[in-house]
Amino acid sequence: METQLTELRALAAHAENRRTETGIPRVAMVQGKIPEHELAAVYDPMVNLILQGSKSMTIGERTLHYDPASYFVMSIDLPAVGSIHAASTGEPYLAVSLTIDPQVVASMLADAPPPDPAAEVRCGFSVASVTPAMLDAWVRMLRLMKSPADIPVLAPAYEREILYRVLQGPHGWMLRDIAAPDTALSRVRLAIQWIRNNFRDQLRVERLAEMAAMSVSAFHRHFKAATAMSPLQFQKQIRLLQARTLLIGGAPTASSVAFDVGYESASQFSREYSRFFGLPPASDVLAVQRHIGRR
């Protein structure tokens, strides 16, 4: 597999230390030391392949570590905090990602056995060992950057191949479940979308459970299994990440931002912000702005 990784590293060598578009739909890459505040975000469903270095992702109560021997798959939108590390030999962190389109997955499953709607929800994110077949598909995909005219015809085929390799792997059930409308995971995903779109509103678990067509206890159990956090914790992290974005963007006061993202108490906001990001709002924003100024 080292030969394939070597070619992938060469193909992605012009990536920048931020999300770098490749010109291929849903495929991006990144290289170097990424600012920590950019690694704390709400991530879209994706397949993430490390080419150099390693990465840790903390989601709720779980932290996963992965490197070029493995890949990360996330089947639902989740707030997470990441940290990246250069290779032991000193080469910078380098990775590529494919954003998962559930409609593409669904089109691949027309002839496959349907998932069990009554199955227990497992975690909506995990790490699996990379295979030569998956790396082959990624090599063909990134080679398209050298022949852009081929992208409209060939990229969809390579995208399907990458997703097919995930489907073949130990966590293929995640893709199957998000692509089928009646599974527990797909119904949890509907609740997640509602929280993302209405994070400022008071959260009523009963309403979310009704939306997911589950009892309150079953919804709570399935939601935490999929996201590693409760619905209230999920909403809190969405609010705090949005608040940080507003403060870095120049919002006048932490108090105004607290109310803007849905908090009723500025002091509670400050406590929870400090707990999540490690610093009070003003200190954290100052540290981020100093870092941005040095770039």
C-alpha atoms as a PDB file:
ATOM      1  CA  MET A   1       0.000   0.000   0.000  1.00  0.00           C
ATOM      2  CA  GLU A   2       2.993   2.310   0.428  1.00  0.00           C
ATOM      3  CA  THR A   3       3.255   2.792  -3.353  1.00  0.00           C
ATOM      4  CA  GLN A   4      -0.353   3.968  -3.489  1.00  0.00           C
ATOM      5  CA  LEU A   5       0.128   6.291  -0.500  1.00  0.00           C
ATOM      6  CA  THR A   6       3.244   7.769  -2.103  1.00  0.00           C
ATOM      7  CA  GLU A   7       1.309   8.621  -5.260  1.00  0.00           C
ATOM      8  CA  LEU A   8      -1.598  10.042  -3.252  1.00  0.00           C
ATOM      9  CA  ARG A   9       0.804  12.263  -1.287  1.00  0.00           C
ATOM     10  CA  ALA A  10       2.278  13.580  -4.520  1.00  0.00           C
ATOM     11  CA  LEU A  11      -1.164  14.229  -5.995  1.00  0.00           C
ATOM     12  CA  ALA A  12      -2.302  16.122  -2.875  1.00  0.00           C
ATOM     13  CA  ALA A  13       0.968  17.964  -2.319  1.00  0.00           C
ATOM     14  CA  HIS A  14      -0.422  21.380  -3.293  1.00  0.00           C
ATOM     15  CA  ALA A  15      -3.093  21.312  -0.574  1.00  0.00           C
ATOM     16  CA  GLU A  16      -3.093  24.276   1.827  1.00  0.00           C
ATOM     17  CA  ASN A  17      -3.491  24.445   5.619  1.00  0.00           C
ATOM     18  CA  ARG A  18      -7.242  24.824   5.231  1.00  0.00           C
ATOM     19  CA  ARG A  19      -9.907  22.955   3.294  1.00  0.00           C
ATOM     20  CA  THR A  20      -8.652  22.971  -0.286  1.00  0.00           C
ATOM     21  CA  GLU A  21     -11.103  22.186  -3.066  1.00  0.00           C
ATOM     22  CA  THR A  22      -9.873  19.793  -5.743  1.00  0.00           C
ATOM     23  CA  GLY A  23     -12.313  20.632  -8.525  1.00  0.00           C
ATOM     24  CA  ILE A  24     -13.857  17.190  -8.005  1.00  0.00           C
ATOM     25  CA  PRO A  25     -17.364  17.330  -6.478  1.00  0.00           C
ATOM     26  CA  ARG A  26     -17.378  16.609  -2.722  1.00  0.00           C
ATOM     27  CA  VAL A  27     -13.620  15.879  -2.649  1.00  0.00           C
ATOM     28  CA  ALA A  28     -11.275  18.147  -0.668  1.00  0.00           C
ATOM     29  CA  MET A  29      -7.795  17.983   0.846  1.00  0.00           C
ATOM     30  CA  VAL A  30      -5.775  19.716   3.534  1.00  0.00           C
ATOM     31  CA  GLN A  31      -2.104  19.903   4.508  1.00  0.00           C
ATOM     32  CA  GLY A  32       0.036  21.253   7.316  1.00  0.00           C
ATOM     33  CA  LYS A  33      -0.769  22.615  10.738  1.00  0.00           C
ATOM     34  CA  ILE A  34      -4.464  23.483  10.903  1.00  0.00           C
ATOM     35  CA  PRO A  35      -5.502  26.133  13.453  1.00  0.00           C
ATOM     36  CA  GLU A  36      -7.219  24.424  16.383  1.00  0.00           C
ATOM     37  CA  HIS A  37     -10.251  26.708  16.221  1.00  0.00           C
ATOM     38  CA  GLU A  38     -10.910  25.502  12.656  1.00  0.00           C
ATOM     39  CA  LEU A  39     -10.840  21.880  13.816  1.00  0.00           C
ATOM     40  CA  ALA A  40     -13.676  22.520  16.284  1.00  0.00           C
ATOM     41  CA  ALA A  41     -16.694  22.513  13.993  1.00  0.00           C
ATOM     42  CA  VAL A  42     -19.841  20.760  12.872  1.00  0.00           C
ATOM     43  CA  TYR A  43     -18.665  18.149  10.390  1.00  0.00           C
ATOM     44  CA  ASP A  44     -20.741  16.874   7.492  1.00  0.00           C
ATOM     45  CA  PRO A  45     -20.953  13.125   6.819  1.00  0.00           C
ATOM     46  CA  MET A  46     -17.648  12.114   5.250  1.00  0.00           C
ATOM     47  CA  VAL A  47     -14.950   9.581   4.545  1.00  0.00           C
ATOM     48  CA  ASN A  48     -11.603  10.976   5.715  1.00  0.00           C
ATOM     49  CA  LEU A  49      -8.325   9.380   4.600  1.00  0.00           C
ATOM     50  CA  ILE A  50      -5.034  10.371   6.239  1.00  0.00           C
ATOM     51  CA  LEU A  51      -2.060  10.316   3.861  1.00  0.00           C
ATOM     52  CA  GLN A  52       0.568  11.623   6.264  1.00  0.00           C
ATOM     53  CA  GLY A  53       0.623  12.191  10.017  1.00  0.00           C
ATOM     54  CA  SER A  54      -2.361  11.406  12.224  1.00  0.00           C
ATOM     55  CA  LYS A  55      -5.559  12.890  13.601  1.00  0.00           C
ATOM     56  CA  SER A  56      -7.749  12.631  16.685  1.00  0.00           C
ATOM     57  CA  MET A  57     -11.469  13.371  16.671  1.00  0.00           C
ATOM     58  CA  THR A  58     -13.395  13.921  19.904  1.00  0.00           C
ATOM     59  CA  ILE A  59     -17.142  13.580  19.520  1.00  0.00           C
ATOM     60  CA  GLY A  60     -19.218  13.712  22.666  1.00  0.00           C
ATOM     61  CA  GLU A  61     -17.686  11.243  25.101  1.00  0.00           C
ATOM     62  CA  ARG A  62     -15.519   9.415  22.561  1.00  0.00           C
ATOM     63  CA  THR A  63     -12.102  10.147  21.047  1.00  0.00           C
ATOM     64  CA  LEU A  64     -10.859   8.252  17.995  1.00  0.00           C
ATOM     65  CA  HIS A  65      -7.310   8.241  16.611  1.00  0.00           C
ATOM     66  CA  TYR A  66      -6.382   7.352  13.052  1.00  0.00           C
ATOM     67  CA  ASP A  67      -3.460   7.495  10.601  1.00  0.00           C
ATOM     68  CA  PRO A  68      -2.577   6.290   7.072  1.00  0.00           C
ATOM     69  CA  ALA A  69      -3.308   2.691   8.081  1.00  0.00           C
ATOM     70  CA  SER A  70      -6.966   3.545   8.681  1.00  0.00           C
ATOM     71  CA  TYR A  71      -9.796   5.786   7.557  1.00  0.00           C
ATOM     72  CA  PHE A  72     -12.518   7.655   9.420  1.00  0.00           C
ATOM     73  CA  VAL A  73     -16.163   7.491   8.418  1.00  0.00           C
ATOM     74  CA  MET A  74     -18.939   9.705   9.777  1.00  0.00           C
ATOM     75  CA  SER A  75     -22.470   9.066   8.560  1.00  0.00           C
ATOM     76  CA  ILE A  76     -24.315  11.940  10.296  1.00  0.00           C
ATOM     77  CA  ASP A  77     -23.686  15.645  10.965  1.00  0.00           C
ATOM     78  CA  LEU A  78     -21.792  15.958  14.238  1.00  0.00           C
ATOM     79  CA  PRO A  79     -20.042  18.672  16.268  1.00  0.00           C
ATOM     80  CA  ALA A  80     -16.489  17.558  16.959  1.00  0.00           C
ATOM     81  CA  VAL A  81     -13.098  18.778  18.105  1.00  0.00           C
ATOM     82  CA  GLY A  82     -10.118  17.597  16.101  1.00  0.00           C
ATOM     83  CA  SER A  83      -6.364  17.682  16.565  1.00  0.00           C
ATOM     84  CA  ILE A  84      -3.753  16.815  13.972  1.00  0.00           C
ATOM     85  CA  HIS A  85      -0.144  15.702  14.204  1.00  0.00           C
ATOM     86  CA  ALA A  86       2.733  15.655  11.752  1.00  0.00           C
ATOM     87  CA  ALA A  87       4.331  12.355  10.828  1.00  0.00           C
ATOM     88  CA  SER A  88       7.003  10.990  13.168  1.00  0.00           C
ATOM     89  CA  THR A  89       9.542  11.707  10.426  1.00  0.00           C
ATOM     90  CA  GLY A  90       8.529  15.374  10.337  1.00  0.00           C
ATOM     91  CA  GLU A  91       6.423  15.497   7.160  1.00  0.00           C
ATOM     92  CA  PRO A  92       3.305  17.667   7.551  1.00  0.00           C
ATOM     93  CA  TYR A  93      -0.164  16.299   8.123  1.00  0.00           C
ATOM     94  CA  LEU A  94      -1.901  15.536   4.816  1.00  0.00           C
ATOM     95  CA  ALA A  95      -5.420  14.213   4.254  1.00  0.00           C
ATOM     96  CA  VAL A  96      -8.225  13.934   1.712  1.00  0.00           C
ATOM     97  CA  SER A  97     -11.947  13.668   2.317  1.00  0.00           C
ATOM     98  CA  LEU A  98     -15.121  12.746   0.484  1.00  0.00           C
ATOM     99  CA  THR A  99     -18.378  14.297   1.690  1.00  0.00           C
ATOM    100  CA  ILE A 100     -21.058  11.603   1.714  1.00  0.00           C
ATOM    101  CA  ASP A 101     -24.168  12.230  -0.339  1.00  0.00           C
ATOM    102  CA  PRO A 102     -26.922   9.888   0.958  1.00  0.00           C
ATOM    103  CA  GLN A 103     -28.624   9.976  -2.452  1.00  0.00           C
ATOM    104  CA  VAL A 104     -25.504   8.542  -4.080  1.00  0.00           C
ATOM    105  CA  VAL A 105     -25.415   5.796  -1.461  1.00  0.00           C
ATOM    106  CA  ALA A 106     -29.124   5.084  -1.943  1.00  0.00           C
ATOM    107  CA  SER A 107     -28.630   4.678  -5.693  1.00  0.00           C
ATOM    108  CA  MET A 108     -26.032   1.988  -4.979  1.00  0.00           C
ATOM    109  CA  LEU A 109     -28.300   0.025  -2.671  1.00  0.00           C
ATOM    110  CA  ALA A 110     -31.185  -0.615  -5.035  1.00  0.00           C
ATOM    111  CA  ASP A 111     -30.171  -4.248  -5.469  1.00  0.00           C
ATOM    112  CA  ALA A 112     -28.804  -4.781  -1.965  1.00  0.00           C
ATOM    113  CA  PRO A 113     -30.731  -6.351   0.937  1.00  0.00           C
ATOM    114  CA  PRO A 114     -32.488  -3.580   2.906  1.00  0.00           C
ATOM    115  CA  PRO A 115     -31.256  -2.760   6.428  1.00  0.00           C
ATOM    116  CA  ASP A 116     -33.366  -3.920   9.352  1.00  0.00           C
ATOM    117  CA  PRO A 117     -35.558  -0.971  10.484  1.00  0.00           C
ATOM    118  CA  ALA A 118     -35.761  -2.486  13.987  1.00  0.00           C
ATOM    119  CA  ALA A 119     -31.997  -2.858  14.412  1.00  0.00           C
ATOM    120  CA  GLU A 120     -30.339  -1.070  17.302  1.00  0.00           C
ATOM    121  CA  VAL A 121     -28.484   2.092  16.333  1.00  0.00           C
ATOM    122  CA  ARG A 122     -24.759   1.861  16.706  1.00  0.00           C
ATOM    123  CA  CYS A 123     -22.320   4.763  16.692  1.00  0.00           C
ATOM    124  CA  GLY A 124     -22.604   7.071  13.686  1.00  0.00           C
ATOM    125  CA  PHE A 125     -18.826   7.427  13.354  1.00  0.00           C
ATOM    126  CA  SER A 126     -15.880   5.061  13.494  1.00  0.00           C
ATOM    127  CA  VAL A 127     -12.429   4.108  12.214  1.00  0.00           C
ATOM    128  CA  ALA A 128     -11.609   1.103  10.021  1.00  0.00           C
ATOM    129  CA  SER A 129      -8.460  -0.330   8.442  1.00  0.00           C
ATOM    130  CA  VAL A 130      -7.746   0.964   4.954  1.00  0.00           C
ATOM    131  CA  THR A 131      -7.439  -1.588   2.129  1.00  0.00           C
ATOM    132  CA  PRO A 132      -5.445  -1.625  -1.130  1.00  0.00           C
ATOM    133  CA  ALA A 133      -8.735  -1.611  -3.055  1.00  0.00           C
ATOM    134  CA  MET A 134      -9.862   1.592  -1.322  1.00  0.00           C
ATOM    135  CA  LEU A 135      -6.508   3.266  -1.951  1.00  0.00           C
ATOM    136  CA  ASP A 136      -6.727   2.285  -5.632  1.00  0.00           C
ATOM    137  CA  ALA A 137     -10.058   4.092  -5.905  1.00  0.00           C
ATOM    138  CA  TRP A 138      -8.641   7.187  -4.199  1.00  0.00           C
ATOM    139  CA  VAL A 139      -5.624   7.196  -6.559  1.00  0.00           C
ATOM    140  CA  ARG A 140      -7.896   7.168  -9.588  1.00  0.00           C
ATOM    141  CA  MET A 141     -10.057   9.899  -8.062  1.00  0.00           C
ATOM    142  CA  LEU A 142      -7.172  12.284  -7.325  1.00  0.00           C
ATOM    143  CA  ARG A 143      -5.546  11.657 -10.715  1.00  0.00           C
ATOM    144  CA  LEU A 144      -8.574  13.465 -12.149  1.00  0.00           C
ATOM    145  CA  MET A 145      -7.076  16.726 -10.866  1.00  0.00           C
ATOM    146  CA  LYS A 146      -4.591  16.372 -13.752  1.00  0.00           C
ATOM    147  CA  SER A 147      -7.348  15.857 -16.327  1.00  0.00           C
ATOM    148  CA  PRO A 148     -10.282  18.087 -15.343  1.00  0.00           C
ATOM    149  CA  ALA A 149     -12.153  17.322 -18.561  1.00  0.00           C
ATOM    150  CA  ASP A 150     -12.593  13.745 -17.330  1.00  0.00           C
ATOM    151  CA  ILE A 151     -14.174  14.754 -14.002  1.00  0.00           C
ATOM    152  CA  PRO A 152     -17.851  14.915 -15.071  1.00  0.00           C
ATOM    153  CA  VAL A 153     -17.753  11.385 -16.507  1.00  0.00           C
ATOM    154  CA  LEU A 154     -15.297   9.522 -14.265  1.00  0.00           C
ATOM    155  CA  ALA A 155     -15.613  11.171 -10.831  1.00  0.00           C
ATOM    156  CA  PRO A 156     -19.085   9.706 -10.139  1.00  0.00           C
ATOM    157  CA  ALA A 157     -17.767   6.213 -10.879  1.00  0.00           C
ATOM    158  CA  TYR A 158     -14.784   6.618  -8.547  1.00  0.00           C
ATOM    159  CA  GLU A 159     -16.987   8.165  -5.865  1.00  0.00           C
ATOM    160  CA  ARG A 160     -19.239   5.125  -6.008  1.00  0.00           C
ATOM    161  CA  GLU A 161     -16.204   2.853  -5.823  1.00  0.00           C
ATOM    162  CA  ILE A 162     -14.885   4.581  -2.687  1.00  0.00           C
ATOM    163  CA  LEU A 163     -18.311   4.337  -1.060  1.00  0.00           C
ATOM    164  CA  TYR A 164     -18.602   0.718  -2.180  1.00  0.00           C
ATOM    165  CA  ARG A 165     -15.321  -0.070  -0.387  1.00  0.00           C
ATOM    166  CA  VAL A 166     -16.744   1.526   2.752  1.00  0.00           C
ATOM    167  CA  LEU A 167     -19.914  -0.523   2.321  1.00  0.00           C
ATOM    168  CA  GLN A 168     -17.747  -3.639   2.122  1.00  0.00           C
ATOM    169  CA  GLY A 169     -15.950  -2.728   5.332  1.00  0.00           C
ATOM    170  CA  PRO A 170     -16.910  -3.284   8.970  1.00  0.00           C
ATOM    171  CA  HIS A 171     -18.898  -0.045   9.158  1.00  0.00           C
ATOM    172  CA  GLY A 172     -20.763  -0.313   5.874  1.00  0.00           C
ATOM    173  CA  TRP A 173     -24.002  -0.567   7.853  1.00  0.00           C
ATOM    174  CA  MET A 174     -23.708   3.161   8.615  1.00  0.00           C
ATOM    175  CA  LEU A 175     -24.023   4.078   4.948  1.00  0.00           C
ATOM    176  CA  ARG A 176     -26.834   1.600   4.441  1.00  0.00           C
ATOM    177  CA  ASP A 177     -28.781   2.987   7.369  1.00  0.00           C
ATOM    178  CA  ILE A 178     -28.561   6.672   6.403  1.00  0.00           C
ATOM    179  CA  ALA A 179     -29.668   5.860   2.858  1.00  0.00           C
ATOM    180  CA  ALA A 180     -32.819   4.002   3.950  1.00  0.00           C
ATOM    181  CA  PRO A 181     -35.688   6.239   5.142  1.00  0.00           C
ATOM    182  CA  ASP A 182     -37.151   3.976   7.829  1.00  0.00           C
ATOM    183  CA  THR A 183     -34.099   2.952   9.869  1.00  0.00           C
ATOM    184  CA  ALA A 184     -33.530   4.255  13.373  1.00  0.00           C
ATOM    185  CA  LEU A 185     -30.311   5.994  12.288  1.00  0.00           C
ATOM    186  CA  SER A 186     -32.028   7.814   9.428  1.00  0.00           C
ATOM    187  CA  ARG A 187     -34.737   8.998  11.846  1.00  0.00           C
ATOM    188  CA  VAL A 188     -32.106  10.200  14.329  1.00  0.00           C
ATOM    189  CA  ARG A 189     -30.552  12.044  11.387  1.00  0.00           C
ATOM    190  CA  LEU A 190     -33.829  13.932  10.864  1.00  0.00           C
ATOM    191  CA  ALA A 191     -33.721  15.072  14.494  1.00  0.00           C
ATOM    192  CA  ILE A 192     -30.109  16.160  14.074  1.00  0.00           C
ATOM    193  CA  GLN A 193     -31.043  18.282  11.070  1.00  0.00           C
ATOM    194  CA  TRP A 194     -33.842  19.903  13.082  1.00  0.00           C
ATOM    195  CA  ILE A 195     -31.448  20.768  15.928  1.00  0.00           C
ATOM    196  CA  ARG A 196     -28.904  22.212  13.498  1.00  0.00           C
ATOM    197  CA  ASN A 197     -31.542  24.410  11.861  1.00  0.00           C
ATOM    198  CA  ASN A 198     -33.245  25.458  15.124  1.00  0.00           C
ATOM    199  CA  PHE A 199     -30.422  25.426  17.689  1.00  0.00           C
ATOM    200  CA  ARG A 200     -31.555  28.732  19.191  1.00  0.00           C
ATOM    201  CA  ASP A 201     -34.963  27.334  20.153  1.00  0.00           C
ATOM    202  CA  GLN A 202     -35.781  25.558  23.375  1.00  0.00           C
ATOM    203  CA  LEU A 203     -35.240  21.856  22.818  1.00  0.00           C
ATOM    204  CA  ARG A 204     -38.078  19.514  23.688  1.00  0.00           C
ATOM    205  CA  VAL A 205     -36.996  15.885  23.519  1.00  0.00           C
ATOM    206  CA  GLU A 206     -40.642  14.839  23.274  1.00  0.00           C
ATOM    207  CA  ARG A 207     -41.008  16.789  20.024  1.00  0.00           C
ATOM    208  CA  LEU A 208     -37.839  15.256  18.580  1.00  0.00           C
ATOM    209  CA  ALA A 209     -38.961  11.777  19.589  1.00  0.00           C
ATOM    210  CA  GLU A 210     -42.284  12.346  17.850  1.00  0.00           C
ATOM    211  CA  MET A 211     -40.439  13.547  14.754  1.00  0.00           C
ATOM    212  CA  ALA A 212     -38.369  10.362  14.826  1.00  0.00           C
ATOM    213  CA  ALA A 213     -41.458   8.199  15.418  1.00  0.00           C
ATOM    214  CA  MET A 214     -39.992   6.783  18.641  1.00  0.00           C
ATOM    215  CA  SER A 215     -40.827   6.785  22.309  1.00  0.00           C
ATOM    216  CA  VAL A 216     -38.872   9.342  24.345  1.00  0.00           C
ATOM    217  CA  SER A 217     -36.742   6.661  26.007  1.00  0.00           C
ATOM    218  CA  ALA A 218     -35.997   4.884  22.716  1.00  0.00           C
ATOM    219  CA  PHE A 219     -35.148   8.171  20.985  1.00  0.00           C
ATOM    220  CA  HIS A 220     -32.794   9.215  23.769  1.00  0.00           C
ATOM    221  CA  ARG A 221     -31.073   5.818  23.673  1.00  0.00           C
ATOM    222  CA  HIS A 222     -30.711   5.783  19.892  1.00  0.00           C
ATOM    223  CA  PHE A 223     -29.562   9.421  19.733  1.00  0.00           C
ATOM    224  CA  LYS A 224     -26.814   8.905  22.301  1.00  0.00           C
ATOM    225  CA  ALA A 225     -25.712   5.664  20.654  1.00  0.00           C
ATOM    226  CA  ALA A 226     -25.341   7.437  17.305  1.00  0.00           C
ATOM    227  CA  THR A 227     -23.750  10.693  18.488  1.00  0.00           C
ATOM    228  CA  ALA A 228     -22.034   9.835  21.814  1.00  0.00           C
ATOM    229  CA  MET A 229     -23.993  12.670  23.436  1.00  0.00           C
ATOM    230  CA  SER A 230     -27.522  13.495  24.545  1.00  0.00           C
ATOM    231  CA  PRO A 231     -29.771  15.766  22.452  1.00  0.00           C
ATOM    232  CA  LEU A 232     -29.204  18.610  24.949  1.00  0.00           C
ATOM    233  CA  GLN A 233     -25.425  18.159  24.818  1.00  0.00           C
ATOM    234  CA  PHE A 234     -25.607  18.128  21.020  1.00  0.00           C
ATOM    235  CA  GLN A 235     -27.561  21.389  20.968  1.00  0.00           C
ATOM    236  CA  LYS A 236     -25.171  22.968  23.478  1.00  0.00           C
ATOM    237  CA  GLN A 237     -22.140  22.199  21.322  1.00  0.00           C
ATOM    238  CA  ILE A 238     -23.860  23.572  18.220  1.00  0.00           C
ATOM    239  CA  ARG A 239     -24.650  26.786  20.128  1.00  0.00           C
ATOM    240  CA  LEU A 240     -21.098  27.155  21.452  1.00  0.00           C
ATOM    241  CA  LEU A 241     -19.501  26.574  18.062  1.00  0.00           C
ATOM    242  CA  GLN A 242     -21.818  29.160  16.492  1.00  0.00           C
ATOM    243  CA  ALA A 243     -21.071  31.596  19.319  1.00  0.00           C
ATOM    244  CA  ARG A 244     -17.340  31.242  18.751  1.00  0.00           C
ATOM    245  CA  THR A 245     -17.796  31.939  15.044  1.00  0.00           C
ATOM    246  CA  LEU A 246     -19.762  35.112  15.838  1.00  0.00           C
ATOM    247  CA  LEU A 247     -17.217  36.313  18.385  1.00  0.00           C
ATOM    248  CA  ILE A 248     -14.266  35.721  16.069  1.00  0.00           C
ATOM    249  CA  GLY A 249     -16.211  37.535  13.360  1.00  0.00           C
ATOM    250  CA  GLY A 250     -16.407  40.678  15.493  1.00  0.00           C
ATOM    251  CA  ALA A 251     -19.584  40.412  17.582  1.00  0.00           C
ATOM    252  CA  PRO A 252     -19.468  43.228  20.169  1.00  0.00           C
ATOM    253  CA  THR A 253     -19.952  41.319  23.440  1.00  0.00           C
ATOM    254  CA  ALA A 254     -20.125  37.782  24.765  1.00  0.00           C
ATOM    255  CA  SER A 255     -23.452  38.615  26.392  1.00  0.00           C
ATOM    256  CA  SER A 256     -25.069  39.624  23.121  1.00  0.00           C
ATOM    257  CA  VAL A 257     -23.778  36.477  21.468  1.00  0.00           C
ATOM    258  CA  ALA A 258     -25.035  34.328  24.346  1.00  0.00           C
ATOM    259  CA  PHE A 259     -28.589  35.537  23.805  1.00  0.00           C
ATOM    260  CA  ASP A 260     -28.229  35.371  20.032  1.00  0.00           C
ATOM    261  CA  VAL A 261     -27.419  31.628  20.092  1.00  0.00           C
ATOM    262  CA  GLY A 262     -30.208  30.822  22.530  1.00  0.00           C
ATOM    263  CA  TYR A 263     -28.824  31.156  26.057  1.00  0.00           C
ATOM    264  CA  GLU A 264     -30.983  32.846  28.667  1.00  0.00           C
ATOM    265  CA  SER A 265     -28.069  33.451  31.051  1.00  0.00           C
ATOM    266  CA  ALA A 266     -24.799  35.130  30.039  1.00  0.00           C
ATOM    267  CA  SER A 267     -23.026  33.661  33.076  1.00  0.00           C
ATOM    268  CA  GLN A 268     -24.113  30.135  32.171  1.00  0.00           C
ATOM    269  CA  PHE A 269     -22.906  30.738  28.618  1.00  0.00           C
ATOM    270  CA  SER A 270     -19.504  31.883  29.872  1.00  0.00           C
ATOM    271  CA  ARG A 271     -19.139  28.830  32.135  1.00  0.00           C
ATOM    272  CA  GLU A 272     -20.075  26.379  29.405  1.00  0.00           C
ATOM    273  CA  TYR A 273     -17.915  28.168  26.830  1.00  0.00           C
ATOM    274  CA  SER A 274     -14.903  27.971  29.165  1.00  0.00           C
ATOM    275  CA  ARG A 275     -15.549  24.301  29.848  1.00  0.00           C
ATOM    276  CA  PHE A 276     -15.803  23.442  26.151  1.00  0.00           C
ATOM    277  CA  PHE A 277     -12.999  25.577  24.692  1.00  0.00           C
ATOM    278  CA  GLY A 278     -10.709  25.797  27.725  1.00  0.00           C
ATOM    279  CA  LEU A 279     -10.803  29.600  28.031  1.00  0.00           C
ATOM    280  CA  PRO A 280     -13.440  32.274  28.764  1.00  0.00           C
ATOM    281  CA  PRO A 281     -14.941  33.833  25.623  1.00  0.00           C
ATOM    282  CA  ALA A 282     -12.830  37.016  25.572  1.00  0.00           C
ATOM    283  CA  SER A 283      -9.550  35.184  26.236  1.00  0.00           C
ATOM    284  CA  ASP A 284     -10.311  32.485  23.706  1.00  0.00           C
ATOM    285  CA  VAL A 285     -11.185  34.940  20.957  1.00  0.00           C
ATOM    286  CA  LEU A 286      -8.040  36.981  21.671  1.00  0.00           C
ATOM    287  CA  ALA A 287      -5.914  33.825  21.408  1.00  0.00           C
ATOM    288  CA  VAL A 288      -7.578  32.873  18.115  1.00  0.00           C
ATOM    289  CA  GLN A 289      -7.155  36.367  16.675  1.00  0.00           C
ATOM    290  CA  ARG A 290      -3.468  36.417  17.632  1.00  0.00           C
ATOM    291  CA  HIS A 291      -3.035  33.098  15.869  1.00  0.00           C
ATOM    292  CA  ILE A 292      -4.828  34.377  12.776  1.00  0.00           C
ATOM    293  CA  GLY A 293      -2.614  37.478  12.817  1.00  0.00           C
ATOM    294  CA  ARG A 294       0.509  35.324  12.746  1.00  0.00           C
ATOM    295  CA  ARG A 295      -0.629  33.380   9.656  1.00  0.00           C
END
